[in-house]
């Protein structure tokens, strides 16, 4: 029984279904907090399938990892499944893309940005050149997540971007950026060997710590500023709790590179705020 549960758990997190649900939930939260009016159900499915597609493409190209080998072992044993999920995700994303054909430029931009994140793993020019871009993947990945789950819903709803909307987008970016810093800290030695450059590979450990805590501080200040726009207290609490848990997990994750900590606990912090919001509603 335990072995069956372990296999199911590995499938959930290593197939990227888990992180895809995370992306859907924070997109849903954006819609609910700002009462955005558009084809939100179709967009949530677009986000789900796009995440399935991009993450399975990324892991199909990944042959080795920085530390923990459990996920890599699973990936090598299920490469055909990654291909199937990539194709299924691509088909689903393409289908729901056409619900928003009038906004195709914004969605195509998201697709291109997502592809470029994994493109350095391709052993062909000009993709190898992308490994040398110094600004690296940390800021880039956080921006792609914010752009897809937070910024685009405002564009699709054609609701004017107000100061509180912009603040929410920036605030979410800093939270996602803090999480990405933890992942890149784990990967920094491996990235150096692969020739992949980023701020994290350049910084010392003290510099990485300073960057992480700066991001958390900016997120905390931004969350406090949301109070000025009359966000309810439970919303602010739901924003701050995952950040507090991330601060607690940070020194643990720097020493323990377990796949469970990274792909279950850290990824799970992304959807904690919308889950708290859903519990409050019901």
Protein backbone atom coordinates (compact mmCIF):
# COMPACT_ATOMS: atom_id res chain seq x y z
CA UNK A 1 0.00 0.00 0.00
CA UNK A 2 2.78 2.43 0.95
CA UNK A 3 4.63 1.63 -2.25
CA UNK A 4 1.50 2.37 -4.29
CA UNK A 5 1.03 5.69 -2.48
CA UNK A 6 4.68 6.57 -3.05
CA UNK A 7 4.35 5.87 -6.77
CA UNK A 8 1.21 7.99 -6.95
CA UNK A 9 2.97 10.81 -5.09
CA UNK A 10 5.97 10.64 -7.41
CA UNK A 11 3.69 10.71 -10.43
CA UNK A 12 1.86 13.76 -9.06
CA UNK A 13 4.97 15.86 -8.51
CA UNK A 14 7.36 14.48 -11.13
CA UNK A 15 4.84 14.60 -13.98
CA UNK A 16 4.43 18.33 -13.18
CA UNK A 17 0.70 17.95 -12.55
CA UNK A 18 1.27 19.32 -9.04
CA UNK A 19 3.04 22.49 -10.17
CA UNK A 20 0.44 22.93 -12.91
CA UNK A 21 -2.29 22.96 -10.27
CA UNK A 22 -0.24 25.58 -8.40
CA UNK A 23 -0.18 27.80 -11.49
CA UNK A 24 -3.94 27.42 -11.96
CA UNK A 25 -4.71 28.30 -8.34
CA UNK A 26 -2.70 31.53 -8.27
CA UNK A 27 -4.27 32.55 -11.60
CA UNK A 28 -7.68 31.83 -10.08
CA UNK A 29 -6.72 33.99 -7.11
CA UNK A 30 -5.91 36.91 -9.41
CA UNK A 31 -9.31 36.56 -11.06
CA UNK A 32 -11.16 36.42 -7.74
CA UNK A 33 -9.34 39.23 -5.95
CA UNK A 34 -9.95 41.70 -8.76
CA UNK A 35 -13.29 40.30 -10.03
CA UNK A 36 -11.91 40.02 -13.56
CA UNK A 37 -14.54 39.45 -16.22
CA UNK A 38 -13.40 37.33 -19.17
CA UNK A 39 -13.37 33.67 -20.23
CA UNK A 40 -11.52 32.79 -17.05
CA UNK A 41 -12.41 29.08 -17.07
CA UNK A 42 -10.85 28.65 -20.51
CA UNK A 43 -7.79 30.63 -19.47
CA UNK A 44 -7.30 28.49 -16.37
CA UNK A 45 -7.26 25.43 -18.61
CA UNK A 46 -4.85 27.19 -20.96
CA UNK A 47 -2.53 27.85 -18.01
CA UNK A 48 -2.81 24.24 -16.81
CA UNK A 49 -2.01 22.69 -20.19
CA UNK A 50 0.73 25.24 -20.90
CA UNK A 51 2.44 24.41 -17.61
CA UNK A 52 2.15 20.68 -18.29
CA UNK A 53 3.62 21.23 -21.75
CA UNK A 54 6.52 23.48 -20.73
CA UNK A 55 7.60 21.57 -17.63
CA UNK A 56 7.53 18.16 -19.31
CA UNK A 57 9.50 19.59 -22.23
CA UNK A 58 12.02 20.97 -19.73
CA UNK A 59 12.39 17.69 -17.85
CA UNK A 60 12.58 15.61 -21.01
CA UNK A 61 15.68 17.64 -21.91
CA UNK A 62 17.18 17.27 -18.43
CA UNK A 63 19.69 14.42 -18.22
CA UNK A 64 21.24 15.19 -14.85
CA UNK A 65 20.47 17.30 -11.80
CA UNK A 66 22.29 19.33 -9.20
CA UNK A 67 21.84 17.05 -6.22
CA UNK A 68 18.87 14.79 -5.62
CA UNK A 69 18.62 12.00 -8.17
CA UNK A 70 15.14 10.73 -7.33
CA UNK A 71 13.46 12.95 -9.90
CA UNK A 72 16.11 12.32 -12.55
CA UNK A 73 15.77 8.58 -12.03
CA UNK A 74 12.00 8.89 -12.42
CA UNK A 75 12.48 11.04 -15.50
CA UNK A 76 14.82 8.56 -17.17
CA UNK A 77 12.37 5.74 -16.51
CA UNK A 78 9.39 7.72 -17.83
CA UNK A 79 10.79 9.63 -20.80
CA UNK A 80 7.97 8.41 -23.02
CA UNK A 81 5.47 9.71 -20.47
CA UNK A 82 7.16 13.12 -20.55
CA UNK A 83 6.75 13.16 -24.33
CA UNK A 84 3.07 12.17 -24.07
CA UNK A 85 2.39 14.82 -21.42
CA UNK A 86 4.28 17.40 -23.47
CA UNK A 87 2.16 16.61 -26.53
CA UNK A 88 -1.07 16.51 -24.52
CA UNK A 89 -0.19 19.82 -22.89
CA UNK A 90 0.69 21.38 -26.24
CA UNK A 91 -2.60 20.18 -27.77
CA UNK A 92 -4.64 21.45 -24.82
CA UNK A 93 -2.85 24.81 -24.78
CA UNK A 94 -3.34 25.20 -28.54
CA UNK A 95 -7.06 24.41 -28.23
CA UNK A 96 -7.68 27.00 -25.52
CA UNK A 97 -5.38 29.51 -27.19
CA UNK A 98 -8.04 30.08 -29.83
CA UNK A 99 -10.52 31.27 -27.20
CA UNK A 100 -8.29 34.33 -26.91
CA UNK A 101 -7.21 34.75 -30.52
CA UNK A 102 -7.79 38.52 -30.35
CA UNK A 103 -5.08 38.64 -27.70
CA UNK A 104 -2.76 36.26 -29.52
CA UNK A 105 0.27 38.56 -29.24
CA UNK A 106 0.24 38.46 -25.43
CA UNK A 107 -0.27 34.69 -25.28
CA UNK A 108 2.29 34.01 -27.99
CA UNK A 109 4.71 36.16 -26.01
CA UNK A 110 4.10 33.99 -22.95
CA UNK A 111 4.70 30.84 -25.02
CA UNK A 112 7.95 32.23 -26.43
CA UNK A 113 9.21 33.30 -23.01
CA UNK A 114 8.41 29.86 -21.60
CA UNK A 115 10.23 28.11 -24.44
CA UNK A 116 13.30 30.31 -24.05
CA UNK A 117 13.61 29.24 -20.41
CA UNK A 118 14.24 25.61 -21.44
CA UNK A 119 15.97 26.41 -24.75
CA UNK A 120 19.51 26.52 -23.25
CA UNK A 121 19.17 22.79 -22.58
CA UNK A 122 19.12 22.18 -26.34
CA UNK A 123 22.60 21.33 -27.59
CA UNK A 124 22.33 23.42 -30.74
CA UNK A 125 23.24 26.94 -31.69
CA UNK A 126 21.89 29.55 -31.08
CA UNK A 127 20.39 27.94 -27.95
CA UNK A 128 23.81 27.22 -26.41
CA UNK A 129 24.49 30.96 -26.54
CA UNK A 130 21.55 31.57 -24.20
CA UNK A 131 23.52 29.87 -21.41
CA UNK A 132 25.87 32.84 -21.37
CA UNK A 133 23.25 35.51 -20.69
CA UNK A 134 24.32 36.90 -17.35
CA UNK A 135 20.95 38.01 -16.01
CA UNK A 136 20.08 34.33 -16.03
CA UNK A 137 17.09 32.26 -15.26
CA UNK A 138 16.17 33.45 -11.76
CA UNK A 139 14.55 36.79 -12.61
CA UNK A 140 13.40 35.38 -15.93
CA UNK A 141 11.42 32.45 -14.51
CA UNK A 142 9.81 34.58 -11.80
CA UNK A 143 8.76 37.09 -14.45
CA UNK A 144 7.27 34.40 -16.70
CA UNK A 145 5.19 33.04 -13.82
CA UNK A 146 4.00 36.52 -12.84
CA UNK A 147 3.28 37.47 -16.45
CA UNK A 148 1.20 34.34 -17.10
CA UNK A 149 -0.70 34.05 -13.82
CA UNK A 150 -1.14 37.71 -12.90
CA UNK A 151 -0.50 40.22 -15.68
CA UNK A 152 -2.23 38.50 -18.61
CA UNK A 153 -5.56 38.05 -16.75
CA UNK A 154 -5.77 41.85 -16.44
CA UNK A 155 -5.10 42.21 -20.17
CA UNK A 156 -7.72 39.61 -21.09
CA UNK A 157 -10.34 41.27 -18.91
CA UNK A 158 -9.52 44.62 -20.52
CA UNK A 159 -9.70 46.10 -17.05
CA UNK A 160 -7.47 49.18 -16.78
CA UNK A 161 -4.28 48.57 -14.85
CA UNK A 162 -4.68 50.59 -11.67
CA UNK A 163 -1.97 51.24 -9.06
CA UNK A 164 -3.28 48.41 -6.87
CA UNK A 165 -3.18 46.00 -9.83
CA UNK A 166 0.40 46.95 -10.65
CA UNK A 167 1.37 46.65 -6.98
CA UNK A 168 -0.14 43.16 -6.83
CA UNK A 169 1.80 42.10 -9.95
CA UNK A 170 5.09 43.45 -8.58
CA UNK A 171 4.41 41.93 -5.18
CA UNK A 172 3.76 38.48 -6.64
CA UNK A 173 6.94 38.75 -8.68
CA UNK A 174 9.06 39.27 -5.57
CA UNK A 175 7.52 36.27 -3.82
CA UNK A 176 8.08 34.04 -6.85
CA UNK A 177 11.58 35.46 -7.23
CA UNK A 178 12.43 34.50 -3.65
CA UNK A 179 11.35 30.91 -4.38
CA UNK A 180 13.38 30.87 -7.60
CA UNK A 181 16.44 32.04 -5.67
CA UNK A 182 16.21 28.95 -3.45
CA UNK A 183 16.02 26.66 -6.50
CA UNK A 184 18.95 28.42 -8.16
CA UNK A 185 21.01 28.22 -4.97
CA UNK A 186 20.66 24.45 -5.15
CA UNK A 187 21.56 24.44 -8.86
CA UNK A 188 24.41 26.95 -8.81
CA UNK A 189 27.34 24.46 -8.90
CA UNK A 190 25.66 22.40 -11.60
CA UNK A 191 24.84 25.54 -13.61
CA UNK A 192 28.47 26.68 -13.48
CA UNK A 193 29.59 23.33 -14.88
CA UNK A 194 27.01 23.63 -17.66
CA UNK A 195 28.08 27.17 -18.48
CA UNK A 196 24.70 28.59 -17.45
CA UNK A 197 25.18 32.05 -16.00
CA UNK A 198 22.91 33.88 -13.61
CA UNK A 199 23.13 36.32 -10.74
CA UNK A 200 23.15 33.34 -8.37
CA UNK A 201 26.24 31.80 -10.00
CA UNK A 202 28.07 35.13 -9.69
CA UNK A 203 27.13 35.97 -6.11
CA UNK A 204 28.77 34.65 -2.99
CA UNK A 205 26.63 32.79 -0.47
CA UNK A 206 26.30 35.98 1.56
CA UNK A 207 25.24 37.84 -1.57
CA UNK A 208 22.60 35.21 -2.33
CA UNK A 209 21.29 35.46 1.23
CA UNK A 210 21.08 39.25 0.92
CA UNK A 211 19.22 38.94 -2.39
CA UNK A 212 16.76 36.45 -0.91
CA UNK A 213 15.99 38.52 2.17
CA UNK A 214 15.75 41.70 0.08
CA UNK A 215 13.13 40.03 -2.11
CA UNK A 216 11.19 38.85 0.95
CA UNK A 217 11.41 42.33 2.50
CA UNK A 218 10.11 44.00 -0.66
CA UNK A 219 7.30 41.45 -0.81
CA UNK A 220 6.39 42.10 2.83
CA UNK A 221 6.40 45.88 2.35
CA UNK A 222 4.32 45.47 -0.81
CA UNK A 223 1.82 43.30 1.03
CA UNK A 224 1.53 45.97 3.71
CA UNK A 225 0.93 48.54 0.99
CA UNK A 226 -2.01 46.47 -0.28
CA UNK A 227 -3.75 47.38 2.98
CA UNK A 228 -3.90 50.96 1.72
CA UNK A 229 -6.07 49.68 -1.13
CA UNK A 230 -8.52 48.08 1.31
CA UNK A 231 -7.51 44.46 0.83
CA UNK A 232 -9.13 42.40 3.63
CA UNK A 233 -6.97 41.27 6.54
CA UNK A 234 -7.39 37.58 5.69
CA UNK A 235 -6.00 38.24 2.20
CA UNK A 236 -2.95 39.95 3.65
CA UNK A 237 -2.51 37.07 6.10
CA UNK A 238 -2.78 34.55 3.26
CA UNK A 239 -0.03 36.45 1.44
CA UNK A 240 2.32 36.75 4.40
CA UNK A 241 2.02 33.19 5.75
CA UNK A 242 3.70 31.51 2.72
CA UNK A 243 6.47 34.13 2.86
CA UNK A 244 7.05 33.41 6.56
CA UNK A 245 7.16 29.68 5.85
CA UNK A 246 9.60 30.31 2.99
CA UNK A 247 11.92 32.22 5.33
CA UNK A 248 11.76 29.29 7.75
CA UNK A 249 12.43 26.77 4.96
CA UNK A 250 15.29 28.72 3.38
CA UNK A 251 18.14 27.55 5.67
CA UNK A 252 16.73 24.02 5.59
CA UNK A 253 16.59 23.96 1.77
CA UNK A 254 20.17 25.27 1.57
CA UNK A 255 21.39 22.14 3.36
CA UNK A 256 18.86 19.52 2.28
CA UNK A 257 18.40 19.24 -1.49
CA UNK A 258 15.61 16.67 -1.25
CA UNK A 259 13.24 16.63 -4.20
CA UNK A 260 10.37 16.52 -1.73
CA UNK A 261 11.42 19.81 -0.14
CA UNK A 262 11.80 21.52 -3.48
CA UNK A 263 9.08 20.08 -5.70
CA UNK A 264 6.47 19.52 -3.01
CA UNK A 265 7.06 21.96 -0.15
CA UNK A 266 8.51 24.97 -2.00
CA UNK A 267 6.22 24.62 -5.01
CA UNK A 268 3.35 24.11 -2.60
CA UNK A 269 3.98 27.52 -1.03
CA UNK A 270 2.94 29.05 -4.34
CA UNK A 271 -0.62 27.80 -3.96
CA UNK A 272 -0.94 28.23 -0.19
CA UNK A 273 -2.35 31.75 -0.40
CA UNK A 274 -5.16 30.90 -2.86
CA UNK A 275 -5.96 27.76 -0.84
CA UNK A 276 -6.39 29.88 2.29
CA UNK A 277 -8.61 32.20 0.29
CA UNK A 278 -10.74 29.29 -0.93
CA UNK A 279 -11.10 27.92 2.60
CA UNK A 280 -12.23 31.35 3.79
CA UNK A 281 -14.85 31.55 1.03
CA UNK A 282 -16.32 28.14 1.80
